[in-house]
Amino acid sequence: ARGPEDGNVIVMVHGFSTPAFIFEQNASALVDAGFRVVQYDH
């Protein structure tokens, strides 16, 4: 979980075989935009 604790929360759900780091570029951009981002490994 990254980003400001009072930011609007976005949960990122990855696909079949590659874990949560597949979102790294997208999550970093969302955090920089002020969102609270949650990534998780299935």
PDB file of all heavy atoms in Angstrom:
ATOM      1  N   ALA A   1       0.858  -1.179   0.000  1.00  0.00           N
ATOM      2  CA  ALA A   1       0.000   0.000   0.000  1.00  0.00           C
ATOM      3  C   ALA A   1       0.893   1.227   0.000  1.00  0.00           C
ATOM      4  O   ALA A   1       1.733   1.386   0.885  1.00  0.00           O
ATOM      5  CB  ALA A   1      -0.922   0.005   1.209  1.00  0.00           C
ATOM      6  N   ARG A   2       0.712   2.082  -1.002  1.00  0.00           N
ATOM      7  CA  ARG A   2       1.563   3.265  -1.139  1.00  0.00           C
ATOM      8  C   ARG A   2       0.714   4.493  -1.410  1.00  0.00           C
ATOM      9  O   ARG A   2      -0.405   4.399  -1.886  1.00  0.00           O
ATOM     10  CB  ARG A   2       2.554   3.070  -2.284  1.00  0.00           C
ATOM     11  CG  ARG A   2       3.573   1.967  -2.042  1.00  0.00           C
ATOM     12  CD  ARG A   2       4.578   1.894  -3.184  1.00  0.00           C
ATOM     13  NE  ARG A   2       3.970   1.374  -4.391  1.00  0.00           N
ATOM     14  CZ  ARG A   2       4.543   1.422  -5.603  1.00  0.00           C
ATOM     15  NH1 ARG A   2       5.708   2.011  -5.762  1.00  0.00           N
ATOM     16  NH2 ARG A   2       3.947   0.897  -6.640  1.00  0.00           N
ATOM     17  N   GLY A   3       1.302   5.650  -1.138  1.00  0.00           N
ATOM     18  CA  GLY A   3       0.605   6.897  -1.376  1.00  0.00           C
ATOM     19  C   GLY A   3       0.022   7.466  -0.099  1.00  0.00           C
ATOM     20  O   GLY A   3       0.021   6.812   0.949  1.00  0.00           O
ATOM     21  N   PRO A   4      -0.470   8.691  -0.146  1.00  0.00           N
ATOM     22  CA  PRO A   4      -1.001   9.354   1.052  1.00  0.00           C
ATOM     23  C   PRO A   4      -2.159   8.568   1.666  1.00  0.00           C
ATOM     24  O   PRO A   4      -3.038   8.084   0.951  1.00  0.00           O
ATOM     25  CB  PRO A   4      -1.456  10.726   0.534  1.00  0.00           C
ATOM     26  CG  PRO A   4      -1.613  10.553  -0.943  1.00  0.00           C
ATOM     27  CD  PRO A   4      -0.605   9.538  -1.352  1.00  0.00           C
ATOM     28  N   GLU A   5      -2.155   8.430   2.981  1.00  0.00           N
ATOM     29  CA  GLU A   5      -3.183   7.646   3.653  1.00  0.00           C
ATOM     30  C   GLU A   5      -4.569   8.250   3.492  1.00  0.00           C
ATOM     31  O   GLU A   5      -5.571   7.531   3.616  1.00  0.00           O
ATOM     32  CB  GLU A   5      -2.836   7.478   5.136  1.00  0.00           C
ATOM     33  CG  GLU A   5      -1.584   6.636   5.356  1.00  0.00           C
ATOM     34  CD  GLU A   5      -1.371   6.284   6.812  1.00  0.00           C
ATOM     35  OE1 GLU A   5      -2.247   6.635   7.643  1.00  0.00           O
ATOM     36  OE2 GLU A   5      -0.340   5.660   7.123  1.00  0.00           O
ATOM     37  N   ASP A   6      -4.647   9.543   3.215  1.00  0.00           N
ATOM     38  CA  ASP A   6      -5.949  10.169   3.016  1.00  0.00           C
ATOM     39  C   ASP A   6      -6.318  10.267   1.539  1.00  0.00           C
ATOM     40  O   ASP A   6      -7.323  10.890   1.174  1.00  0.00           O
ATOM     41  CB  ASP A   6      -5.991  11.557   3.653  1.00  0.00           C
ATOM     42  CG  ASP A   6      -4.963  12.517   3.059  1.00  0.00           C
ATOM     43  OD1 ASP A   6      -4.068  12.047   2.310  1.00  0.00           O
ATOM     44  OD2 ASP A   6      -5.044  13.720   3.344  1.00  0.00           O
ATOM     45  N   GLY A   7      -5.509   9.649   0.672  1.00  0.00           N
ATOM     46  CA  GLY A   7      -5.802   9.680  -0.760  1.00  0.00           C
ATOM     47  C   GLY A   7      -6.912   8.703  -1.118  1.00  0.00           C
ATOM     48  O   GLY A   7      -7.177   7.738  -0.401  1.00  0.00           O
ATOM     49  N   ASN A   8      -7.589   8.960  -2.233  1.00  0.00           N
ATOM     50  CA  ASN A   8      -8.610   8.040  -2.710  1.00  0.00           C
ATOM     51  C   ASN A   8      -7.944   6.721  -3.096  1.00  0.00           C
ATOM     52  O   ASN A   8      -6.917   6.706  -3.774  1.00  0.00           O
ATOM     53  CB  ASN A   8      -9.342   8.641  -3.910  1.00  0.00           C
ATOM     54  CG  ASN A   8     -10.226   9.799  -3.504  1.00  0.00           C
ATOM     55  OD1 ASN A   8     -11.185   9.638  -2.762  1.00  0.00           O
ATOM     56  ND2 ASN A   8      -9.884  10.983  -3.976  1.00  0.00           N
ATOM     57  N   VAL A   9      -8.550   5.616  -2.663  1.00  0.00           N
ATOM     58  CA  VAL A   9      -7.918   4.302  -2.788  1.00  0.00           C
ATOM     59  C   VAL A   9      -8.212   3.658  -4.133  1.00  0.00           C
ATOM     60  O   VAL A   9      -9.356   3.642  -4.605  1.00  0.00           O
ATOM     61  CB  VAL A   9      -8.382   3.375  -1.652  1.00  0.00           C
ATOM     62  CG1 VAL A   9      -7.761   1.976  -1.810  1.00  0.00           C
ATOM     63  CG2 VAL A   9      -8.029   3.968  -0.293  1.00  0.00           C
ATOM     64  N   ILE A  10      -7.157   3.097  -4.722  1.00  0.00           N
ATOM     65  CA  ILE A  10      -7.276   2.313  -5.945  1.00  0.00           C
ATOM     66  C   ILE A  10      -6.614   0.963  -5.705  1.00  0.00           C
ATOM     67  O   ILE A  10      -5.449   0.896  -5.296  1.00  0.00           O
ATOM     68  CB  ILE A  10      -6.615   3.017  -7.145  1.00  0.00           C
ATOM     69  CG1 ILE A  10      -7.300   4.364  -7.405  1.00  0.00           C
ATOM     70  CG2 ILE A  10      -6.675   2.136  -8.394  1.00  0.00           C
ATOM     71  CD1 ILE A  10      -6.638   5.182  -8.491  1.00  0.00           C
ATOM     72  N   VAL A  11      -7.354  -0.108  -5.944  1.00  0.00           N
ATOM     73  CA  VAL A  11      -6.849  -1.472  -5.782  1.00  0.00           C
ATOM     74  C   VAL A  11      -6.571  -2.042  -7.162  1.00  0.00           C
ATOM     75  O   VAL A  11      -7.433  -1.997  -8.044  1.00  0.00           O
ATOM     76  CB  VAL A  11      -7.862  -2.357  -5.032  1.00  0.00           C
ATOM     77  CG1 VAL A  11      -7.369  -3.805  -4.964  1.00  0.00           C
ATOM     78  CG2 VAL A  11      -8.099  -1.814  -3.621  1.00  0.00           C
ATOM     79  N   MET A  12      -5.361  -2.585  -7.344  1.00  0.00           N
ATOM     80  CA  MET A  12      -4.923  -3.072  -8.652  1.00  0.00           C
ATOM     81  C   MET A  12      -4.873  -4.599  -8.637  1.00  0.00           C
ATOM     82  O   MET A  12      -4.201  -5.210  -7.797  1.00  0.00           O
ATOM     83  CB  MET A  12      -3.565  -2.474  -9.009  1.00  0.00           C
ATOM     84  CG  MET A  12      -3.505  -0.967  -8.826  1.00  0.00           C
ATOM     85  SD  MET A  12      -2.058  -0.163  -9.565  1.00  0.00           S
ATOM     86  CE  MET A  12      -2.585  -0.029 -11.280  1.00  0.00           C
ATOM     87  N   VAL A  13      -5.588  -5.212  -9.587  1.00  0.00           N
ATOM     88  CA  VAL A  13      -5.762  -6.663  -9.637  1.00  0.00           C
ATOM     89  C   VAL A  13      -5.063  -7.205 -10.883  1.00  0.00           C
ATOM     90  O   VAL A  13      -5.503  -6.949 -12.008  1.00  0.00           O
ATOM     91  CB  VAL A  13      -7.256  -7.031  -9.657  1.00  0.00           C
ATOM     92  CG1 VAL A  13      -7.436  -8.551  -9.610  1.00  0.00           C
ATOM     93  CG2 VAL A  13      -8.000  -6.362  -8.495  1.00  0.00           C
ATOM     94  N   HIS A  14      -3.983  -7.937 -10.666  1.00  0.00           N
ATOM     95  CA  HIS A  14      -3.182  -8.397 -11.808  1.00  0.00           C
ATOM     96  C   HIS A  14      -3.793  -9.626 -12.481  1.00  0.00           C
ATOM     97  O   HIS A  14      -4.848 -10.137 -12.071  1.00  0.00           O
ATOM     98  CB  HIS A  14      -1.737  -8.654 -11.370  1.00  0.00           C
ATOM     99  CG  HIS A  14      -1.530  -9.842 -10.495  1.00  0.00           C
ATOM    100  ND1 HIS A  14      -1.480 -11.133 -10.977  1.00  0.00           N
ATOM    101  CD2 HIS A  14      -1.323  -9.952  -9.148  1.00  0.00           C
ATOM    102  CE1 HIS A  14      -1.252 -11.980  -9.987  1.00  0.00           C
ATOM    103  NE2 HIS A  14      -1.156 -11.285  -8.859  1.00  0.00           N
ATOM    104  N   GLY A  15      -3.097 -10.116 -13.501  1.00  0.00           N
ATOM    105  CA  GLY A  15      -3.628 -11.185 -14.315  1.00  0.00           C
ATOM    106  C   GLY A  15      -3.168 -12.572 -13.944  1.00  0.00           C
ATOM    107  O   GLY A  15      -2.856 -12.867 -12.786  1.00  0.00           O
ATOM    108  N   PHE A  16      -3.064 -13.432 -14.949  1.00  0.00           N
ATOM    109  CA  PHE A  16      -2.898 -14.868 -14.767  1.00  0.00           C
ATOM    110  C   PHE A  16      -1.579 -15.282 -14.155  1.00  0.00           C
ATOM    111  O   PHE A  16      -1.546 -16.027 -13.172  1.00  0.00           O
ATOM    112  CB  PHE A  16      -3.079 -15.535 -16.135  1.00  0.00           C
ATOM    113  CG  PHE A  16      -2.853 -17.014 -16.162  1.00  0.00           C
ATOM    114  CD1 PHE A  16      -3.716 -17.867 -15.499  1.00  0.00           C
ATOM    115  CD2 PHE A  16      -1.789 -17.555 -16.861  1.00  0.00           C
ATOM    116  CE1 PHE A  16      -3.527 -19.246 -15.527  1.00  0.00           C
ATOM    117  CE2 PHE A  16      -1.589 -18.925 -16.899  1.00  0.00           C
ATOM    118  CZ  PHE A  16      -2.460 -19.777 -16.240  1.00  0.00           C
ATOM    119  N   SER A  17      -0.466 -14.800 -14.688  1.00  0.00           N
ATOM    120  CA  SER A  17       0.821 -15.389 -14.313  1.00  0.00           C
ATOM    121  C   SER A  17       1.849 -14.434 -13.728  1.00  0.00           C
ATOM    122  O   SER A  17       2.736 -14.867 -12.994  1.00  0.00           O
ATOM    123  CB  SER A  17       1.448 -16.090 -15.518  1.00  0.00           C
ATOM    124  OG  SER A  17       1.657 -15.173 -16.580  1.00  0.00           O
ATOM    125  N   THR A  18       1.773 -13.143 -14.038  1.00  0.00           N
ATOM    126  CA  THR A  18       2.762 -12.175 -13.548  1.00  0.00           C
ATOM    127  C   THR A  18       2.206 -11.460 -12.326  1.00  0.00           C
ATOM    128  O   THR A  18       1.085 -10.950 -12.376  1.00  0.00           O
ATOM    129  CB  THR A  18       3.122 -11.155 -14.638  1.00  0.00           C
ATOM    130  OG1 THR A  18       3.530 -11.846 -15.804  1.00  0.00           O
ATOM    131  CG2 THR A  18       4.245 -10.246 -14.174  1.00  0.00           C
ATOM    132  N   PRO A  19       2.945 -11.388 -11.220  1.00  0.00           N
ATOM    133  CA  PRO A  19       2.404 -10.820  -9.982  1.00  0.00           C
ATOM    134  C   PRO A  19       2.265  -9.305 -10.012  1.00  0.00           C
ATOM    135  O   PRO A  19       2.370  -8.669 -11.072  1.00  0.00           O
ATOM    136  CB  PRO A  19       3.413 -11.283  -8.931  1.00  0.00           C
ATOM    137  CG  PRO A  19       4.694 -11.422  -9.675  1.00  0.00           C
ATOM    138  CD  PRO A  19       4.321 -11.891 -11.046  1.00  0.00           C
ATOM    139  N   ALA A  20       2.067  -8.734  -8.822  1.00  0.00           N
ATOM    140  CA  ALA A  20       1.653  -7.340  -8.709  1.00  0.00           C
ATOM    141  C   ALA A  20       2.652  -6.341  -9.271  1.00  0.00           C
ATOM    142  O   ALA A  20       2.271  -5.217  -9.625  1.00  0.00           O
ATOM    143  CB  ALA A  20       1.370  -7.010  -7.248  1.00  0.00           C
ATOM    144  N   PHE A  21       3.939  -6.716  -9.383  1.00  0.00           N
ATOM    145  CA  PHE A  21       4.898  -5.728  -9.890  1.00  0.00           C
ATOM    146  C   PHE A  21       4.661  -5.387 -11.356  1.00  0.00           C
ATOM    147  O   PHE A  21       5.260  -4.436 -11.880  1.00  0.00           O
ATOM    148  CB  PHE A  21       6.346  -6.166  -9.652  1.00  0.00           C
ATOM    149  CG  PHE A  21       6.790  -7.419 -10.367  1.00  0.00           C
ATOM    150  CD1 PHE A  21       6.901  -7.474 -11.750  1.00  0.00           C
ATOM    151  CD2 PHE A  21       7.142  -8.550  -9.638  1.00  0.00           C
ATOM    152  CE1 PHE A  21       7.331  -8.620 -12.402  1.00  0.00           C
ATOM    153  CE2 PHE A  21       7.574  -9.712 -10.278  1.00  0.00           C
ATOM    154  CZ  PHE A  21       7.664  -9.740 -11.669  1.00  0.00           C
ATOM    155  N   ILE A  22       3.774  -6.108 -12.029  1.00  0.00           N
ATOM    156  CA  ILE A  22       3.434  -5.772 -13.416  1.00  0.00           C
ATOM    157  C   ILE A  22       2.812  -4.379 -13.500  1.00  0.00           C
ATOM    158  O   ILE A  22       2.820  -3.747 -14.546  1.00  0.00           O
ATOM    159  CB  ILE A  22       2.489  -6.828 -14.014  1.00  0.00           C
ATOM    160  CG1 ILE A  22       2.464  -6.716 -15.547  1.00  0.00           C
ATOM    161  CG2 ILE A  22       1.091  -6.726 -13.426  1.00  0.00           C
ATOM    162  CD1 ILE A  22       1.741  -7.866 -16.237  1.00  0.00           C
ATOM    163  N   PHE A  23       2.292  -3.867 -12.374  1.00  0.00           N
ATOM    164  CA  PHE A  23       1.663  -2.548 -12.325  1.00  0.00           C
ATOM    165  C   PHE A  23       2.625  -1.439 -11.909  1.00  0.00           C
ATOM    166  O   PHE A  23       2.190  -0.305 -11.696  1.00  0.00           O
ATOM    167  CB  PHE A  23       0.510  -2.556 -11.321  1.00  0.00           C
ATOM    168  CG  PHE A  23      -0.749  -3.251 -11.779  1.00  0.00           C
ATOM    169  CD1 PHE A  23      -1.274  -4.307 -11.052  1.00  0.00           C
ATOM    170  CD2 PHE A  23      -1.429  -2.823 -12.912  1.00  0.00           C
ATOM    171  CE1 PHE A  23      -2.449  -4.929 -11.435  1.00  0.00           C
ATOM    172  CE2 PHE A  23      -2.600  -3.430 -13.304  1.00  0.00           C
ATOM    173  CZ  PHE A  23      -3.118  -4.493 -12.576  1.00  0.00           C
ATOM    174  N   GLU A  24       3.897  -1.719 -11.747  1.00  0.00           N
ATOM    175  CA  GLU A  24       4.795  -0.770 -11.106  1.00  0.00           C
ATOM    176  C   GLU A  24       4.735   0.621 -11.740  1.00  0.00           C
ATOM    177  O   GLU A  24       4.622   1.643 -11.049  1.00  0.00           O
ATOM    178  CB  GLU A  24       6.226  -1.294 -11.122  1.00  0.00           C
ATOM    179  CG  GLU A  24       7.205  -0.430 -10.353  1.00  0.00           C
ATOM    180  CD  GLU A  24       6.816  -0.248  -8.891  1.00  0.00           C
ATOM    181  OE1 GLU A  24       6.254  -1.199  -8.300  1.00  0.00           O
ATOM    182  OE2 GLU A  24       7.048   0.842  -8.354  1.00  0.00           O
ATOM    183  N   GLN A  25       4.832   0.691 -13.064  1.00  0.00           N
ATOM    184  CA  GLN A  25       4.826   2.009 -13.718  1.00  0.00           C
ATOM    185  C   GLN A  25       3.497   2.731 -13.505  1.00  0.00           C
ATOM    186  O   GLN A  25       3.454   3.951 -13.332  1.00  0.00           O
ATOM    187  CB  GLN A  25       5.115   1.866 -15.217  1.00  0.00           C
ATOM    188  CG  GLN A  25       6.545   1.470 -15.540  1.00  0.00           C
ATOM    189  CD  GLN A  25       6.760  -0.018 -15.672  1.00  0.00           C
ATOM    190  OE1 GLN A  25       6.043  -0.817 -15.066  1.00  0.00           O
ATOM    191  NE2 GLN A  25       7.733  -0.410 -16.484  1.00  0.00           N
ATOM    192  N   ASN A  26       2.400   1.990 -13.523  1.00  0.00           N
ATOM    193  CA  ASN A  26       1.075   2.597 -13.344  1.00  0.00           C
ATOM    194  C   ASN A  26       0.854   3.023 -11.896  1.00  0.00           C
ATOM    195  O   ASN A  26       0.356   4.116 -11.627  1.00  0.00           O
ATOM    196  CB  ASN A  26      -0.019   1.612 -13.754  1.00  0.00           C
ATOM    197  CG  ASN A  26       0.283   0.870 -15.032  1.00  0.00           C
ATOM    198  OD1 ASN A  26       0.391  -0.353 -15.018  1.00  0.00           O
ATOM    199  ND2 ASN A  26       0.458   1.581 -16.131  1.00  0.00           N
ATOM    200  N   ALA A  27       1.247   2.150 -10.949  1.00  0.00           N
ATOM    201  CA  ALA A  27       1.057   2.460  -9.538  1.00  0.00           C
ATOM    202  C   ALA A  27       1.862   3.690  -9.130  1.00  0.00           C
ATOM    203  O   ALA A  27       1.373   4.553  -8.388  1.00  0.00           O
ATOM    204  CB  ALA A  27       1.445   1.255  -8.682  1.00  0.00           C
ATOM    205  N   SER A  28       3.095   3.784  -9.615  1.00  0.00           N
ATOM    206  CA  SER A  28       3.937   4.935  -9.268  1.00  0.00           C
ATOM    207  C   SER A  28       3.315   6.227  -9.765  1.00  0.00           C
ATOM    208  O   SER A  28       3.328   7.253  -9.065  1.00  0.00           O
ATOM    209  CB  SER A  28       5.336   4.751  -9.862  1.00  0.00           C
ATOM    210  OG  SER A  28       5.991   3.647  -9.274  1.00  0.00           O
ATOM    211  N   ALA A  29       2.744   6.193 -10.967  1.00  0.00           N
ATOM    212  CA  ALA A  29       2.101   7.389 -11.516  1.00  0.00           C
ATOM    213  C   ALA A  29       0.877   7.774 -10.696  1.00  0.00           C
ATOM    214  O   ALA A  29       0.628   8.965 -10.444  1.00  0.00           O
ATOM    215  CB  ALA A  29       1.716   7.148 -12.979  1.00  0.00           C
ATOM    216  N   LEU A  30       0.096   6.794 -10.268  1.00  0.00           N
ATOM    217  CA  LEU A  30      -1.081   7.076  -9.452  1.00  0.00           C
ATOM    218  C   LEU A  30      -0.690   7.652  -8.096  1.00  0.00           C
ATOM    219  O   LEU A  30      -1.328   8.581  -7.594  1.00  0.00           O
ATOM    220  CB  LEU A  30      -1.903   5.800  -9.261  1.00  0.00           C
ATOM    221  CG  LEU A  30      -2.689   5.311 -10.483  1.00  0.00           C
ATOM    222  CD1 LEU A  30      -3.201   3.897 -10.250  1.00  0.00           C
ATOM    223  CD2 LEU A  30      -3.843   6.252 -10.805  1.00  0.00           C
ATOM    224  N   VAL A  31       0.364   7.105  -7.492  1.00  0.00           N
ATOM    225  CA  VAL A  31       0.845   7.621  -6.211  1.00  0.00           C
ATOM    226  C   VAL A  31       1.301   9.065  -6.370  1.00  0.00           C
ATOM    227  O   VAL A  31       0.976   9.931  -5.535  1.00  0.00           O
ATOM    228  CB  VAL A  31       1.990   6.737  -5.672  1.00  0.00           C
ATOM    229  CG1 VAL A  31       2.687   7.423  -4.497  1.00  0.00           C
ATOM    230  CG2 VAL A  31       1.453   5.374  -5.242  1.00  0.00           C
ATOM    231  N   ASP A  32       2.022   9.334  -7.435  1.00  0.00           N
ATOM    232  CA  ASP A  32       2.482  10.706  -7.683  1.00  0.00           C
ATOM    233  C   ASP A  32       1.312  11.664  -7.881  1.00  0.00           C
ATOM    234  O   ASP A  32       1.439  12.865  -7.610  1.00  0.00           O
ATOM    235  CB  ASP A  32       3.390  10.741  -8.919  1.00  0.00           C
ATOM    236  CG  ASP A  32       4.742  10.091  -8.675  1.00  0.00           C
ATOM    237  OD1 ASP A  32       5.106   9.884  -7.496  1.00  0.00           O
ATOM    238  OD2 ASP A  32       5.436   9.782  -9.664  1.00  0.00           O
ATOM    239  N   ALA A  33       0.186  11.123  -8.352  1.00  0.00           N
ATOM    240  CA  ALA A  33      -1.003  11.951  -8.569  1.00  0.00           C
ATOM    241  C   ALA A  33      -1.841  12.095  -7.299  1.00  0.00           C
ATOM    242  O   ALA A  33      -2.891  12.745  -7.317  1.00  0.00           O
ATOM    243  CB  ALA A  33      -1.862  11.353  -9.685  1.00  0.00           C
ATOM    244  N   GLY A  34      -1.378  11.489  -6.187  1.00  0.00           N
ATOM    245  CA  GLY A  34      -2.046  11.676  -4.911  1.00  0.00           C
ATOM    246  C   GLY A  34      -2.980  10.569  -4.475  1.00  0.00           C
ATOM    247  O   GLY A  34      -3.700  10.711  -3.477  1.00  0.00           O
ATOM    248  N   PHE A  35      -2.981   9.445  -5.207  1.00  0.00           N
ATOM    249  CA  PHE A  35      -3.852   8.337  -4.832  1.00  0.00           C
ATOM    250  C   PHE A  35      -3.167   7.390  -3.843  1.00  0.00           C
ATOM    251  O   PHE A  35      -1.938   7.300  -3.797  1.00  0.00           O
ATOM    252  CB  PHE A  35      -4.272   7.542  -6.079  1.00  0.00           C
ATOM    253  CG  PHE A  35      -5.175   8.311  -7.004  1.00  0.00           C
ATOM    254  CD1 PHE A  35      -4.661   8.999  -8.097  1.00  0.00           C
ATOM    255  CD2 PHE A  35      -6.546   8.348  -6.784  1.00  0.00           C
ATOM    256  CE1 PHE A  35      -5.485   9.713  -8.954  1.00  0.00           C
ATOM    257  CE2 PHE A  35      -7.381   9.065  -7.635  1.00  0.00           C
ATOM    258  CZ  PHE A  35      -6.848   9.748  -8.715  1.00  0.00           C
ATOM    259  N   ARG A  36      -3.977   6.699  -3.090  1.00  0.00           N
ATOM    260  CA  ARG A  36      -3.518   5.615  -2.223  1.00  0.00           C
ATOM    261  C   ARG A  36      -3.681   4.322  -3.031  1.00  0.00           C
ATOM    262  O   ARG A  36      -4.805   3.947  -3.385  1.00  0.00           O
ATOM    263  CB  ARG A  36      -4.361   5.552  -0.955  1.00  0.00           C
ATOM    264  CG  ARG A  36      -3.988   4.439   0.027  1.00  0.00           C
ATOM    265  CD  ARG A  36      -2.700   4.734   0.743  1.00  0.00           C
ATOM    266  NE  ARG A  36      -2.469   3.804   1.858  1.00  0.00           N
ATOM    267  CZ  ARG A  36      -1.318   3.730   2.513  1.00  0.00           C
ATOM    268  NH1 ARG A  36      -0.302   4.516   2.185  1.00  0.00           N
ATOM    269  NH2 ARG A  36      -1.184   2.884   3.517  1.00  0.00           N
ATOM    270  N   VAL A  37      -2.591   3.640  -3.345  1.00  0.00           N
ATOM    271  CA  VAL A  37      -2.611   2.505  -4.262  1.00  0.00           C
ATOM    272  C   VAL A  37      -2.283   1.211  -3.526  1.00  0.00           C
ATOM    273  O   VAL A  37      -1.291   1.137  -2.788  1.00  0.00           O
ATOM    274  CB  VAL A  37      -1.612   2.716  -5.422  1.00  0.00           C
ATOM    275  CG1 VAL A  37      -1.629   1.520  -6.369  1.00  0.00           C
ATOM    276  CG2 VAL A  37      -1.954   3.995  -6.185  1.00  0.00           C
ATOM    277  N   VAL A  38      -3.110   0.211  -3.742  1.00  0.00           N
ATOM    278  CA  VAL A  38      -2.899  -1.111  -3.153  1.00  0.00           C
ATOM    279  C   VAL A  38      -2.685  -2.115  -4.285  1.00  0.00           C
ATOM    280  O   VAL A  38      -3.527  -2.255  -5.169  1.00  0.00           O
ATOM    281  CB  VAL A  38      -4.098  -1.553  -2.295  1.00  0.00           C
ATOM    282  CG1 VAL A  38      -3.868  -2.956  -1.744  1.00  0.00           C
ATOM    283  CG2 VAL A  38      -4.355  -0.563  -1.162  1.00  0.00           C
ATOM    284  N   GLN A  39      -1.533  -2.793  -4.258  1.00  0.00           N
ATOM    285  CA  GLN A  39      -1.238  -3.892  -5.176  1.00  0.00           C
ATOM    286  C   GLN A  39      -1.121  -5.167  -4.350  1.00  0.00           C
ATOM    287  O   GLN A  39      -0.627  -5.123  -3.227  1.00  0.00           O
ATOM    288  CB  GLN A  39       0.092  -3.657  -5.908  1.00  0.00           C
ATOM    289  CG  GLN A  39       0.140  -2.397  -6.755  1.00  0.00           C
ATOM    290  CD  GLN A  39       1.578  -1.995  -7.060  1.00  0.00           C
ATOM    291  OE1 GLN A  39       2.085  -1.055  -6.453  1.00  0.00           O
ATOM    292  NE2 GLN A  39       2.237  -2.701  -7.967  1.00  0.00           N
ATOM    293  N   TYR A  40      -1.547  -6.272  -4.899  1.00  0.00           N
ATOM    294  CA  TYR A  40      -1.422  -7.539  -4.168  1.00  0.00           C
ATOM    295  C   TYR A  40      -1.162  -8.680  -5.137  1.00  0.00           C
ATOM    296  O   TYR A  40      -1.519  -8.607  -6.316  1.00  0.00           O
ATOM    297  CB  TYR A  40      -2.669  -7.818  -3.323  1.00  0.00           C
ATOM    298  CG  TYR A  40      -3.913  -8.199  -4.106  1.00  0.00           C
ATOM    299  CD1 TYR A  40      -4.305  -9.539  -4.214  1.00  0.00           C
ATOM    300  CD2 TYR A  40      -4.708  -7.230  -4.724  1.00  0.00           C
ATOM    301  CE1 TYR A  40      -5.446  -9.888  -4.915  1.00  0.00           C
ATOM    302  CE2 TYR A  40      -5.843  -7.573  -5.419  1.00  0.00           C
ATOM    303  CZ  TYR A  40      -6.221  -8.899  -5.524  1.00  0.00           C
ATOM    304  OH  TYR A  40      -7.351  -9.255  -6.212  1.00  0.00           O
ATOM    305  N   ASP A  41      -0.512  -9.719  -4.625  1.00  0.00           N
ATOM    306  CA  ASP A  41      -0.243 -10.926  -5.398  1.00  0.00           C
ATOM    307  C   ASP A  41      -1.385 -11.913  -5.202  1.00  0.00           C
ATOM    308  O   ASP A  41      -1.720 -12.258  -4.056  1.00  0.00           O
ATOM    309  CB  ASP A  41       1.049 -11.609  -4.939  1.00  0.00           C
ATOM    310  CG  ASP A  41       2.296 -10.779  -5.212  1.00  0.00           C
ATOM    311  OD1 ASP A  41       2.285  -9.983  -6.164  1.00  0.00           O
ATOM    312  OD2 ASP A  41       3.288 -10.941  -4.470  1.00  0.00           O
ATOM    313  N   HIS A  42      -1.965 -12.381  -6.296  1.00  0.00           N
ATOM    314  CA  HIS A  42      -2.947 -13.454  -6.158  1.00  0.00           C
ATOM    315  C   HIS A  42      -2.326 -14.637  -5.423  1.00  0.00           C
ATOM    316  O   HIS A  42      -1.109 -14.880  -5.525  1.00  0.00           O
ATOM    317  CB  HIS A  42      -3.403 -13.954  -7.538  1.00  0.00           C
ATOM    318  CG  HIS A  42      -4.276 -13.007  -8.272  1.00  0.00           C
ATOM    319  ND1 HIS A  42      -5.409 -12.441  -7.720  1.00  0.00           N
ATOM    320  CD2 HIS A  42      -4.216 -12.544  -9.555  1.00  0.00           C
ATOM    321  CE1 HIS A  42      -5.989 -11.661  -8.614  1.00  0.00           C
ATOM    322  NE2 HIS A  42      -5.282 -11.699  -9.728  1.00  0.00           N
TER     323      HIS A  42
END
